[in-house]
Amino acid sequence: MKNYIFIGRGGQGAKSAASILAKSAANQGLFIQAFPEYGPERMGAPVKAYAKISSRRIRSFSAVKKPDFILLIDKTLIHIALDLMRKSTVLIVNDSCSPEKYNKKYGFRNKVVTINASRISLKNVGMDKPNVPILGALADYDNFIMIDSMIKTVKDYFNEKGKEIAGNNVKALEEAFKEASK
């Protein structure tokens, strides 16, 4: 089983990202769970969302305590991520600086992936919604979920808002996927 924690602020799409990831896994025939954890429910407040994905039935219904991946949608919430890190946790951060800067600044040797998800979102979607681009970076580093499955799920998820919005989000996902692999 793989465990994912999304950390962001209300309105940045952490809950949606966890849901998209889980639906992508379900499309591949995997077992899933995805659920948010709220504090004060307001725009801009810290939010955590969890996803669990497994090839076997998931029997635990608790919050993720030992994440394989932390997807930090808002880098100002790094203190929350640091409290959840294990030696093997991969940290994917919405930031333009180098991964080495994170390792040096915070003194850990974890795999860190940085992607300027906000820039990619602004370019493709026209607003700062970094949740879909950060999923593109995840798809590059986590071979558990196939990018084709994620593309289909993003299309389906955003189609109700219009084909153009769905298409723009797919472009953001694909651009982040390609950029992360550089």
N, C-alpha and C. Protein backbone atom coordinates (compact mmCIF):
# COMPACT_ATOMS: atom_id res chain seq x y z
N MET A 1 0.84 -1.18 0.00
CA MET A 1 0.00 0.00 0.00
C MET A 1 0.89 1.24 0.00
N LYS A 2 0.45 2.26 -0.74
CA LYS A 2 1.13 3.55 -0.74
C LYS A 2 0.22 4.58 -0.10
N ASN A 3 0.86 5.46 0.69
CA ASN A 3 0.13 6.50 1.42
C ASN A 3 0.60 7.87 0.97
N TYR A 4 -0.36 8.76 0.76
CA TYR A 4 -0.10 10.09 0.25
C TYR A 4 -0.76 11.12 1.17
N ILE A 5 -0.05 12.21 1.44
CA ILE A 5 -0.63 13.33 2.17
C ILE A 5 -0.46 14.58 1.31
N PHE A 6 -1.56 15.28 1.09
CA PHE A 6 -1.56 16.55 0.39
C PHE A 6 -1.71 17.65 1.44
N ILE A 7 -0.84 18.65 1.39
CA ILE A 7 -0.89 19.75 2.36
C ILE A 7 -0.99 21.05 1.58
N GLY A 8 -2.02 21.80 1.88
CA GLY A 8 -2.21 23.08 1.21
C GLY A 8 -3.09 23.97 2.05
N ARG A 9 -3.64 24.96 1.42
CA ARG A 9 -4.57 25.87 2.08
C ARG A 9 -5.93 25.74 1.42
N GLY A 10 -6.96 26.02 2.19
CA GLY A 10 -8.32 25.95 1.65
C GLY A 10 -8.42 26.73 0.36
N GLY A 11 -8.91 26.10 -0.69
CA GLY A 11 -9.05 26.74 -1.99
C GLY A 11 -7.96 26.40 -2.98
N GLN A 12 -6.90 25.72 -2.52
CA GLN A 12 -5.80 25.36 -3.43
C GLN A 12 -6.01 23.99 -4.07
N GLY A 13 -6.98 23.24 -3.60
CA GLY A 13 -7.30 21.98 -4.26
C GLY A 13 -6.67 20.72 -3.69
N ALA A 14 -6.26 20.74 -2.43
CA ALA A 14 -5.67 19.53 -1.83
C ALA A 14 -6.67 18.38 -1.82
N LYS A 15 -7.89 18.67 -1.43
CA LYS A 15 -8.94 17.64 -1.39
C LYS A 15 -9.21 17.10 -2.80
N SER A 16 -9.30 17.99 -3.77
CA SER A 16 -9.54 17.57 -5.16
C SER A 16 -8.38 16.73 -5.69
N ALA A 17 -7.15 17.12 -5.35
CA ALA A 17 -5.98 16.37 -5.82
C ALA A 17 -5.99 14.95 -5.26
N ALA A 18 -6.31 14.80 -3.98
CA ALA A 18 -6.39 13.46 -3.38
C ALA A 18 -7.48 12.63 -4.07
N SER A 19 -8.59 13.26 -4.36
CA SER A 19 -9.69 12.57 -5.04
C SER A 19 -9.31 12.16 -6.46
N ILE A 20 -8.65 13.05 -7.19
CA ILE A 20 -8.21 12.73 -8.56
C ILE A 20 -7.21 11.59 -8.55
N LEU A 21 -6.27 11.63 -7.61
CA LEU A 21 -5.29 10.55 -7.50
C LEU A 21 -5.99 9.22 -7.22
N ALA A 22 -6.91 9.22 -6.28
CA ALA A 22 -7.61 7.98 -5.93
C ALA A 22 -8.45 7.46 -7.10
N LYS A 23 -9.15 8.35 -7.78
CA LYS A 23 -9.96 7.93 -8.93
C LYS A 23 -9.08 7.38 -10.06
N SER A 24 -7.91 7.97 -10.24
CA SER A 24 -6.96 7.46 -11.24
C SER A 24 -6.54 6.03 -10.90
N ALA A 25 -6.28 5.79 -9.62
CA ALA A 25 -5.90 4.45 -9.16
C ALA A 25 -7.07 3.47 -9.32
N ALA A 26 -8.27 3.92 -9.01
CA ALA A 26 -9.44 3.06 -9.16
C ALA A 26 -9.64 2.67 -10.62
N ASN A 27 -9.36 3.59 -11.54
CA ASN A 27 -9.46 3.30 -12.97
C ASN A 27 -8.48 2.21 -13.39
N GLN A 28 -7.43 2.01 -12.60
CA GLN A 28 -6.44 0.96 -12.87
C GLN A 28 -6.77 -0.33 -12.12
N GLY A 29 -7.92 -0.36 -11.44
CA GLY A 29 -8.33 -1.55 -10.73
C GLY A 29 -7.74 -1.69 -9.34
N LEU A 30 -7.18 -0.60 -8.81
CA LEU A 30 -6.59 -0.64 -7.47
C LEU A 30 -7.63 -0.26 -6.42
N PHE A 31 -7.35 -0.60 -5.18
CA PHE A 31 -8.21 -0.24 -4.06
C PHE A 31 -7.79 1.13 -3.56
N ILE A 32 -8.77 1.93 -3.15
CA ILE A 32 -8.46 3.33 -2.81
C ILE A 32 -9.21 3.80 -1.57
N GLN A 33 -8.67 4.85 -0.99
CA GLN A 33 -9.35 5.71 -0.03
C GLN A 33 -8.83 7.12 -0.26
N ALA A 34 -9.70 8.09 -0.13
CA ALA A 34 -9.29 9.50 -0.20
C ALA A 34 -10.24 10.29 0.67
N PHE A 35 -9.67 11.13 1.55
CA PHE A 35 -10.51 11.92 2.44
C PHE A 35 -9.71 13.11 2.96
N PRO A 36 -10.43 14.20 3.26
CA PRO A 36 -9.76 15.40 3.77
C PRO A 36 -9.75 15.43 5.30
N GLU A 37 -8.88 16.29 5.83
CA GLU A 37 -8.89 16.61 7.25
C GLU A 37 -8.88 18.13 7.32
N TYR A 38 -9.90 18.67 7.90
CA TYR A 38 -10.01 20.12 7.97
C TYR A 38 -9.70 20.62 9.37
N GLY A 39 -9.21 21.84 9.43
CA GLY A 39 -9.14 22.58 10.69
C GLY A 39 -10.32 23.54 10.63
N PRO A 40 -10.07 24.80 10.89
CA PRO A 40 -11.15 25.77 10.70
C PRO A 40 -11.48 25.83 9.21
N GLU A 41 -12.71 25.55 8.88
CA GLU A 41 -13.08 25.45 7.46
C GLU A 41 -13.30 26.83 6.86
N ARG A 42 -12.20 27.36 6.32
CA ARG A 42 -12.28 28.66 5.65
C ARG A 42 -11.19 28.74 4.59
N MET A 43 -11.42 29.58 3.65
CA MET A 43 -10.45 29.80 2.57
C MET A 43 -9.13 30.26 3.18
N GLY A 44 -8.04 29.61 2.78
CA GLY A 44 -6.72 29.99 3.24
C GLY A 44 -6.23 29.25 4.48
N ALA A 45 -7.10 28.53 5.16
CA ALA A 45 -6.69 27.78 6.34
C ALA A 45 -5.95 26.51 5.90
N PRO A 46 -5.00 26.03 6.70
CA PRO A 46 -4.29 24.79 6.34
C PRO A 46 -5.25 23.61 6.21
N VAL A 47 -5.01 22.80 5.19
CA VAL A 47 -5.83 21.62 4.90
C VAL A 47 -4.89 20.45 4.62
N LYS A 48 -5.27 19.29 5.11
CA LYS A 48 -4.58 18.05 4.75
C LYS A 48 -5.61 17.14 4.10
N ALA A 49 -5.19 16.45 3.08
CA ALA A 49 -6.03 15.44 2.45
C ALA A 49 -5.17 14.19 2.28
N TYR A 50 -5.80 13.05 2.41
CA TYR A 50 -5.08 11.79 2.38
C TYR A 50 -5.58 10.92 1.23
N ALA A 51 -4.67 10.11 0.73
CA ALA A 51 -5.03 9.08 -0.25
C ALA A 51 -4.24 7.83 0.11
N LYS A 52 -4.94 6.71 0.05
CA LYS A 52 -4.31 5.39 0.24
C LYS A 52 -4.64 4.58 -0.99
N ILE A 53 -3.62 3.92 -1.53
CA ILE A 53 -3.80 3.13 -2.75
C ILE A 53 -3.10 1.80 -2.56
N SER A 54 -3.80 0.74 -2.93
CA SER A 54 -3.24 -0.60 -2.73
C SER A 54 -3.77 -1.56 -3.78
N SER A 55 -3.00 -2.61 -4.00
CA SER A 55 -3.47 -3.69 -4.87
C SER A 55 -4.34 -4.67 -4.08
N ARG A 56 -4.42 -4.47 -2.77
CA ARG A 56 -5.26 -5.30 -1.90
C ARG A 56 -6.26 -4.41 -1.18
N ARG A 57 -7.30 -5.02 -0.66
CA ARG A 57 -8.33 -4.29 0.08
C ARG A 57 -7.67 -3.52 1.23
N ILE A 58 -8.09 -2.27 1.43
CA ILE A 58 -7.54 -1.42 2.49
C ILE A 58 -8.45 -1.57 3.71
N ARG A 59 -7.88 -1.99 4.81
CA ARG A 59 -8.67 -2.25 6.01
C ARG A 59 -8.55 -1.16 7.07
N SER A 60 -7.61 -0.27 6.92
CA SER A 60 -7.42 0.82 7.87
C SER A 60 -8.19 2.05 7.38
N PHE A 61 -8.92 2.67 8.27
CA PHE A 61 -9.70 3.86 7.90
C PHE A 61 -9.21 5.10 8.63
N SER A 62 -7.98 5.08 9.09
CA SER A 62 -7.43 6.21 9.83
C SER A 62 -6.64 7.13 8.91
N ALA A 63 -6.31 8.29 9.44
CA ALA A 63 -5.47 9.24 8.70
C ALA A 63 -4.10 8.61 8.45
N VAL A 64 -3.44 9.06 7.42
CA VAL A 64 -2.11 8.57 7.07
C VAL A 64 -1.10 9.10 8.09
N LYS A 65 -0.38 8.20 8.71
CA LYS A 65 0.64 8.58 9.70
C LYS A 65 2.05 8.43 9.14
N LYS A 66 2.22 7.49 8.21
CA LYS A 66 3.54 7.21 7.62
C LYS A 66 3.44 7.35 6.10
N PRO A 67 3.56 8.58 5.61
CA PRO A 67 3.39 8.80 4.17
C PRO A 67 4.58 8.33 3.34
N ASP A 68 4.26 7.78 2.18
CA ASP A 68 5.29 7.50 1.19
C ASP A 68 5.59 8.78 0.40
N PHE A 69 4.55 9.61 0.22
CA PHE A 69 4.67 10.86 -0.51
C PHE A 69 3.95 11.96 0.26
N ILE A 70 4.59 13.12 0.35
CA ILE A 70 3.93 14.33 0.82
C ILE A 70 3.94 15.30 -0.34
N LEU A 71 2.77 15.78 -0.70
CA LEU A 71 2.64 16.74 -1.79
C LEU A 71 2.32 18.09 -1.16
N LEU A 72 3.30 18.96 -1.12
CA LEU A 72 3.20 20.24 -0.45
C LEU A 72 2.76 21.29 -1.46
N ILE A 73 1.48 21.56 -1.48
CA ILE A 73 0.90 22.50 -2.44
C ILE A 73 1.25 23.94 -2.07
N ASP A 74 1.39 24.21 -0.78
CA ASP A 74 1.77 25.54 -0.30
C ASP A 74 3.05 25.41 0.53
N LYS A 75 4.15 25.90 -0.01
CA LYS A 75 5.46 25.72 0.63
C LYS A 75 5.56 26.40 1.99
N THR A 76 4.68 27.36 2.28
CA THR A 76 4.72 28.02 3.59
C THR A 76 4.27 27.07 4.71
N LEU A 77 3.73 25.93 4.35
CA LEU A 77 3.29 24.94 5.33
C LEU A 77 4.32 23.82 5.51
N ILE A 78 5.57 24.11 5.19
CA ILE A 78 6.64 23.11 5.29
C ILE A 78 6.74 22.54 6.70
N HIS A 79 6.45 23.33 7.71
CA HIS A 79 6.54 22.84 9.10
C HIS A 79 5.61 21.66 9.34
N ILE A 80 4.47 21.64 8.69
CA ILE A 80 3.54 20.51 8.82
C ILE A 80 4.14 19.28 8.15
N ALA A 81 4.72 19.49 6.97
CA ALA A 81 5.34 18.37 6.25
C ALA A 81 6.51 17.79 7.03
N LEU A 82 7.33 18.64 7.62
CA LEU A 82 8.50 18.17 8.36
C LEU A 82 8.10 17.28 9.52
N ASP A 83 6.99 17.57 10.15
CA ASP A 83 6.51 16.75 11.27
C ASP A 83 6.06 15.36 10.82
N LEU A 84 5.76 15.21 9.54
CA LEU A 84 5.23 13.94 9.02
C LEU A 84 6.27 13.12 8.25
N MET A 85 7.43 13.70 8.02
CA MET A 85 8.46 13.04 7.20
C MET A 85 9.03 11.80 7.89
N ARG A 86 9.29 10.78 7.09
CA ARG A 86 10.06 9.61 7.51
C ARG A 86 11.28 9.57 6.60
N LYS A 87 12.18 8.65 6.88
CA LYS A 87 13.40 8.57 6.06
C LYS A 87 13.10 8.27 4.60
N SER A 88 12.05 7.53 4.34
CA SER A 88 11.75 7.12 2.97
C SER A 88 10.71 8.00 2.27
N THR A 89 10.17 9.00 2.96
CA THR A 89 9.14 9.85 2.36
C THR A 89 9.71 10.71 1.24
N VAL A 90 9.01 10.74 0.13
CA VAL A 90 9.35 11.63 -0.98
C VAL A 90 8.53 12.90 -0.81
N LEU A 91 9.19 14.05 -0.84
CA LEU A 91 8.53 15.34 -0.70
C LEU A 91 8.46 16.00 -2.07
N ILE A 92 7.24 16.29 -2.51
CA ILE A 92 7.04 17.01 -3.77
C ILE A 92 6.49 18.38 -3.40
N VAL A 93 7.23 19.43 -3.78
CA VAL A 93 6.93 20.79 -3.32
C VAL A 93 6.63 21.71 -4.49
N ASN A 94 5.60 22.52 -4.31
CA ASN A 94 5.27 23.58 -5.26
C ASN A 94 6.24 24.74 -5.00
N ASP A 95 7.37 24.70 -5.67
CA ASP A 95 8.41 25.73 -5.48
C ASP A 95 9.34 25.70 -6.68
N SER A 96 9.95 26.84 -6.94
CA SER A 96 10.87 26.92 -8.08
C SER A 96 12.33 26.70 -7.69
N CYS A 97 12.63 26.61 -6.40
CA CYS A 97 14.02 26.43 -6.00
C CYS A 97 14.44 24.97 -6.16
N SER A 98 15.71 24.71 -5.97
CA SER A 98 16.24 23.37 -6.20
C SER A 98 15.93 22.43 -5.04
N PRO A 99 15.83 21.14 -5.32
CA PRO A 99 15.65 20.16 -4.25
C PRO A 99 16.79 20.19 -3.24
N GLU A 100 18.00 20.46 -3.70
CA GLU A 100 19.16 20.52 -2.81
C GLU A 100 19.00 21.59 -1.75
N LYS A 101 18.35 22.70 -2.12
CA LYS A 101 18.12 23.77 -1.16
C LYS A 101 17.26 23.27 0.00
N TYR A 102 16.26 22.46 -0.29
CA TYR A 102 15.41 21.91 0.78
C TYR A 102 16.20 20.97 1.67
N ASN A 103 16.97 20.09 1.06
CA ASN A 103 17.76 19.15 1.85
C ASN A 103 18.77 19.89 2.73
N LYS A 104 19.41 20.92 2.19
CA LYS A 104 20.39 21.67 2.96
C LYS A 104 19.72 22.48 4.07
N LYS A 105 18.64 23.16 3.75
CA LYS A 105 17.96 24.03 4.71
C LYS A 105 17.35 23.24 5.87
N TYR A 106 16.77 22.08 5.56
CA TYR A 106 16.06 21.33 6.60
C TYR A 106 16.83 20.12 7.11
N GLY A 107 18.00 19.86 6.55
CA GLY A 107 18.88 18.85 7.08
C GLY A 107 18.40 17.42 6.94
N PHE A 108 17.69 17.11 5.86
CA PHE A 108 17.32 15.72 5.64
C PHE A 108 17.81 15.26 4.28
N ARG A 109 17.82 13.96 4.12
CA ARG A 109 18.35 13.37 2.89
C ARG A 109 17.25 12.71 2.05
N ASN A 110 16.04 13.08 2.30
CA ASN A 110 14.93 12.53 1.56
C ASN A 110 14.98 12.95 0.09
N LYS A 111 14.31 12.19 -0.72
CA LYS A 111 14.12 12.59 -2.12
C LYS A 111 13.17 13.78 -2.12
N VAL A 112 13.60 14.87 -2.72
CA VAL A 112 12.77 16.06 -2.83
C VAL A 112 12.61 16.39 -4.31
N VAL A 113 11.39 16.65 -4.69
CA VAL A 113 11.06 17.05 -6.06
C VAL A 113 10.44 18.44 -5.97
N THR A 114 10.99 19.38 -6.70
CA THR A 114 10.37 20.71 -6.74
C THR A 114 9.81 20.93 -8.14
N ILE A 115 8.64 21.54 -8.16
CA ILE A 115 7.97 21.86 -9.42
C ILE A 115 7.23 23.18 -9.21
N ASN A 116 7.37 24.09 -10.12
CA ASN A 116 6.67 25.36 -9.99
C ASN A 116 5.24 25.17 -10.49
N ALA A 117 4.45 24.48 -9.67
CA ALA A 117 3.08 24.13 -10.03
C ALA A 117 2.20 25.37 -10.17
N SER A 118 2.49 26.40 -9.37
CA SER A 118 1.70 27.64 -9.48
C SER A 118 1.91 28.29 -10.85
N ARG A 119 3.16 28.35 -11.31
CA ARG A 119 3.45 28.95 -12.62
C ARG A 119 2.77 28.16 -13.73
N ILE A 120 2.85 26.84 -13.65
CA ILE A 120 2.24 25.99 -14.68
C ILE A 120 0.72 26.17 -14.68
N SER A 121 0.13 26.26 -13.51
CA SER A 121 -1.31 26.47 -13.41
C SER A 121 -1.72 27.83 -13.98
N LEU A 122 -1.00 28.87 -13.60
CA LEU A 122 -1.32 30.20 -14.11
C LEU A 122 -1.23 30.24 -15.64
N LYS A 123 -0.21 29.59 -16.18
CA LYS A 123 0.00 29.56 -17.63
C LYS A 123 -1.12 28.82 -18.35
N ASN A 124 -1.52 27.67 -17.83
CA ASN A 124 -2.47 26.81 -18.55
C ASN A 124 -3.93 27.00 -18.14
N VAL A 125 -4.16 27.28 -16.87
CA VAL A 125 -5.53 27.36 -16.36
C VAL A 125 -5.96 28.80 -16.14
N GLY A 126 -4.99 29.71 -16.00
CA GLY A 126 -5.32 31.11 -15.82
C GLY A 126 -5.53 31.51 -14.37
N MET A 127 -5.28 30.60 -13.44
CA MET A 127 -5.35 30.93 -12.02
C MET A 127 -4.41 30.02 -11.24
N ASP A 128 -4.09 30.45 -10.03
CA ASP A 128 -3.14 29.72 -9.19
C ASP A 128 -3.85 28.57 -8.48
N LYS A 129 -3.98 27.47 -9.17
CA LYS A 129 -4.55 26.22 -8.64
C LYS A 129 -3.50 25.14 -8.88
N PRO A 130 -2.50 25.03 -7.99
CA PRO A 130 -1.36 24.15 -8.23
C PRO A 130 -1.62 22.66 -8.00
N ASN A 131 -2.84 22.28 -7.67
CA ASN A 131 -3.10 20.88 -7.34
C ASN A 131 -2.92 19.93 -8.52
N VAL A 132 -3.38 20.26 -9.69
CA VAL A 132 -3.25 19.36 -10.84
C VAL A 132 -1.80 19.27 -11.31
N PRO A 133 -1.08 20.40 -11.43
CA PRO A 133 0.33 20.26 -11.82
C PRO A 133 1.15 19.44 -10.82
N ILE A 134 0.86 19.55 -9.54
CA ILE A 134 1.64 18.77 -8.58
C ILE A 134 1.38 17.28 -8.76
N LEU A 135 0.19 16.94 -9.24
CA LEU A 135 -0.11 15.54 -9.57
C LEU A 135 0.72 15.08 -10.77
N GLY A 136 0.97 15.99 -11.71
CA GLY A 136 1.83 15.66 -12.85
C GLY A 136 3.24 15.29 -12.40
N ALA A 137 3.76 16.04 -11.44
CA ALA A 137 5.09 15.73 -10.90
C ALA A 137 5.06 14.39 -10.18
N LEU A 138 4.00 14.13 -9.44
CA LEU A 138 3.86 12.84 -8.75
C LEU A 138 3.84 11.69 -9.75
N ALA A 139 3.10 11.85 -10.83
CA ALA A 139 3.00 10.78 -11.84
C ALA A 139 4.37 10.45 -12.43
N ASP A 140 5.25 11.43 -12.49
CA ASP A 140 6.59 11.18 -13.01
C ASP A 140 7.43 10.37 -12.03
N TYR A 141 7.26 10.60 -10.74
CA TYR A 141 8.11 9.96 -9.73
C TYR A 141 7.51 8.72 -9.09
N ASP A 142 6.23 8.52 -9.23
CA ASP A 142 5.56 7.38 -8.62
C ASP A 142 5.00 6.50 -9.73
N ASN A 143 5.62 5.37 -9.96
CA ASN A 143 5.19 4.51 -11.07
C ASN A 143 3.96 3.68 -10.73
N PHE A 144 3.35 3.93 -9.59
CA PHE A 144 2.15 3.20 -9.18
C PHE A 144 0.93 3.64 -9.99
N ILE A 145 0.87 4.92 -10.32
CA ILE A 145 -0.26 5.47 -11.07
C ILE A 145 0.24 5.91 -12.45
N MET A 146 -0.41 5.41 -13.48
CA MET A 146 0.00 5.73 -14.85
C MET A 146 -0.53 7.10 -15.26
N ILE A 147 0.28 7.83 -16.00
CA ILE A 147 -0.09 9.17 -16.43
C ILE A 147 -1.35 9.13 -17.30
N ASP A 148 -1.51 8.11 -18.11
CA ASP A 148 -2.72 8.01 -18.96
C ASP A 148 -3.98 7.92 -18.12
N SER A 149 -3.91 7.19 -17.02
CA SER A 149 -5.05 7.09 -16.11
C SER A 149 -5.34 8.44 -15.46
N MET A 150 -4.28 9.15 -15.11
CA MET A 150 -4.46 10.46 -14.48
C MET A 150 -5.05 11.46 -15.48
N ILE A 151 -4.60 11.41 -16.73
CA ILE A 151 -5.15 12.31 -17.76
C ILE A 151 -6.64 12.07 -17.92
N LYS A 152 -7.04 10.82 -18.01
CA LYS A 152 -8.46 10.49 -18.16
C LYS A 152 -9.26 10.99 -16.97
N THR A 153 -8.73 10.81 -15.77
CA THR A 153 -9.44 11.24 -14.57
C THR A 153 -9.56 12.76 -14.51
N VAL A 154 -8.50 13.48 -14.87
CA VAL A 154 -8.56 14.94 -14.87
C VAL A 154 -9.60 15.42 -15.88
N LYS A 155 -9.63 14.82 -17.06
CA LYS A 155 -10.65 15.18 -18.06
C LYS A 155 -12.04 14.97 -17.49
N ASP A 156 -12.29 13.80 -16.94
CA ASP A 156 -13.61 13.48 -16.37
C ASP A 156 -13.96 14.42 -15.22
N TYR A 157 -13.00 14.69 -14.37
CA TYR A 157 -13.23 15.51 -13.17
C TYR A 157 -13.64 16.94 -13.55
N PHE A 158 -12.97 17.50 -14.56
CA PHE A 158 -13.22 18.90 -14.91
C PHE A 158 -14.21 19.07 -16.06
N ASN A 159 -14.63 18.00 -16.71
CA ASN A 159 -15.55 18.11 -17.84
C ASN A 159 -16.86 18.80 -17.47
N GLU A 160 -17.34 18.60 -16.25
CA GLU A 160 -18.59 19.25 -15.85
C GLU A 160 -18.46 20.77 -15.80
N LYS A 161 -17.23 21.27 -15.72
CA LYS A 161 -16.99 22.71 -15.71
C LYS A 161 -16.75 23.22 -17.13
N GLY A 162 -16.69 22.31 -18.08
CA GLY A 162 -16.52 22.67 -19.48
C GLY A 162 -15.30 22.01 -20.09
N LYS A 163 -15.39 21.74 -21.38
CA LYS A 163 -14.30 21.06 -22.08
C LYS A 163 -13.02 21.89 -22.09
N GLU A 164 -13.15 23.21 -22.18
CA GLU A 164 -11.96 24.06 -22.20
C GLU A 164 -11.22 23.98 -20.86
N ILE A 165 -11.96 24.05 -19.76
CA ILE A 165 -11.34 23.96 -18.42
C ILE A 165 -10.69 22.59 -18.26
N ALA A 166 -11.39 21.54 -18.69
CA ALA A 166 -10.81 20.19 -18.61
C ALA A 166 -9.54 20.09 -19.44
N GLY A 167 -9.59 20.61 -20.65
CA GLY A 167 -8.41 20.57 -21.53
C GLY A 167 -7.24 21.35 -20.98
N ASN A 168 -7.51 22.51 -20.39
CA ASN A 168 -6.44 23.32 -19.81
C ASN A 168 -5.80 22.62 -18.61
N ASN A 169 -6.60 21.93 -17.81
CA ASN A 169 -6.05 21.19 -16.68
C ASN A 169 -5.22 20.00 -17.14
N VAL A 170 -5.65 19.36 -18.21
CA VAL A 170 -4.85 18.26 -18.77
C VAL A 170 -3.52 18.80 -19.27
N LYS A 171 -3.53 19.97 -19.92
CA LYS A 171 -2.27 20.59 -20.38
C LYS A 171 -1.35 20.87 -19.19
N ALA A 172 -1.91 21.37 -18.10
CA ALA A 172 -1.11 21.66 -16.90
C ALA A 172 -0.53 20.37 -16.32
N LEU A 173 -1.31 19.32 -16.29
CA LEU A 173 -0.86 18.02 -15.80
C LEU A 173 0.30 17.50 -16.65
N GLU A 174 0.12 17.54 -17.96
CA GLU A 174 1.14 17.02 -18.88
C GLU A 174 2.42 17.86 -18.83
N GLU A 175 2.29 19.18 -18.75
CA GLU A 175 3.47 20.03 -18.68
C GLU A 175 4.28 19.74 -17.41
N ALA A 176 3.58 19.60 -16.29
CA ALA A 176 4.28 19.29 -15.03
C ALA A 176 4.93 17.91 -15.09
N PHE A 177 4.27 16.96 -15.71
CA PHE A 177 4.83 15.61 -15.86
C PHE A 177 6.13 15.66 -16.65
N LYS A 178 6.14 16.39 -17.76
CA LYS A 178 7.33 16.52 -18.59
C LYS A 178 8.43 17.32 -17.88
N GLU A 179 8.04 18.38 -17.21
CA GLU A 179 9.03 19.24 -16.53
C GLU A 179 9.67 18.50 -15.36
N ALA A 180 8.92 17.70 -14.65
CA ALA A 180 9.45 16.97 -13.49
C ALA A 180 10.49 15.94 -13.91
N SER A 181 10.35 15.42 -15.12
CA SER A 181 11.27 14.36 -15.56
C SER A 181 12.60 14.90 -16.07
N LYS A 182 12.77 16.20 -16.10
CA LYS A 182 14.03 16.80 -16.58
C LYS A 182 15.13 16.64 -15.55
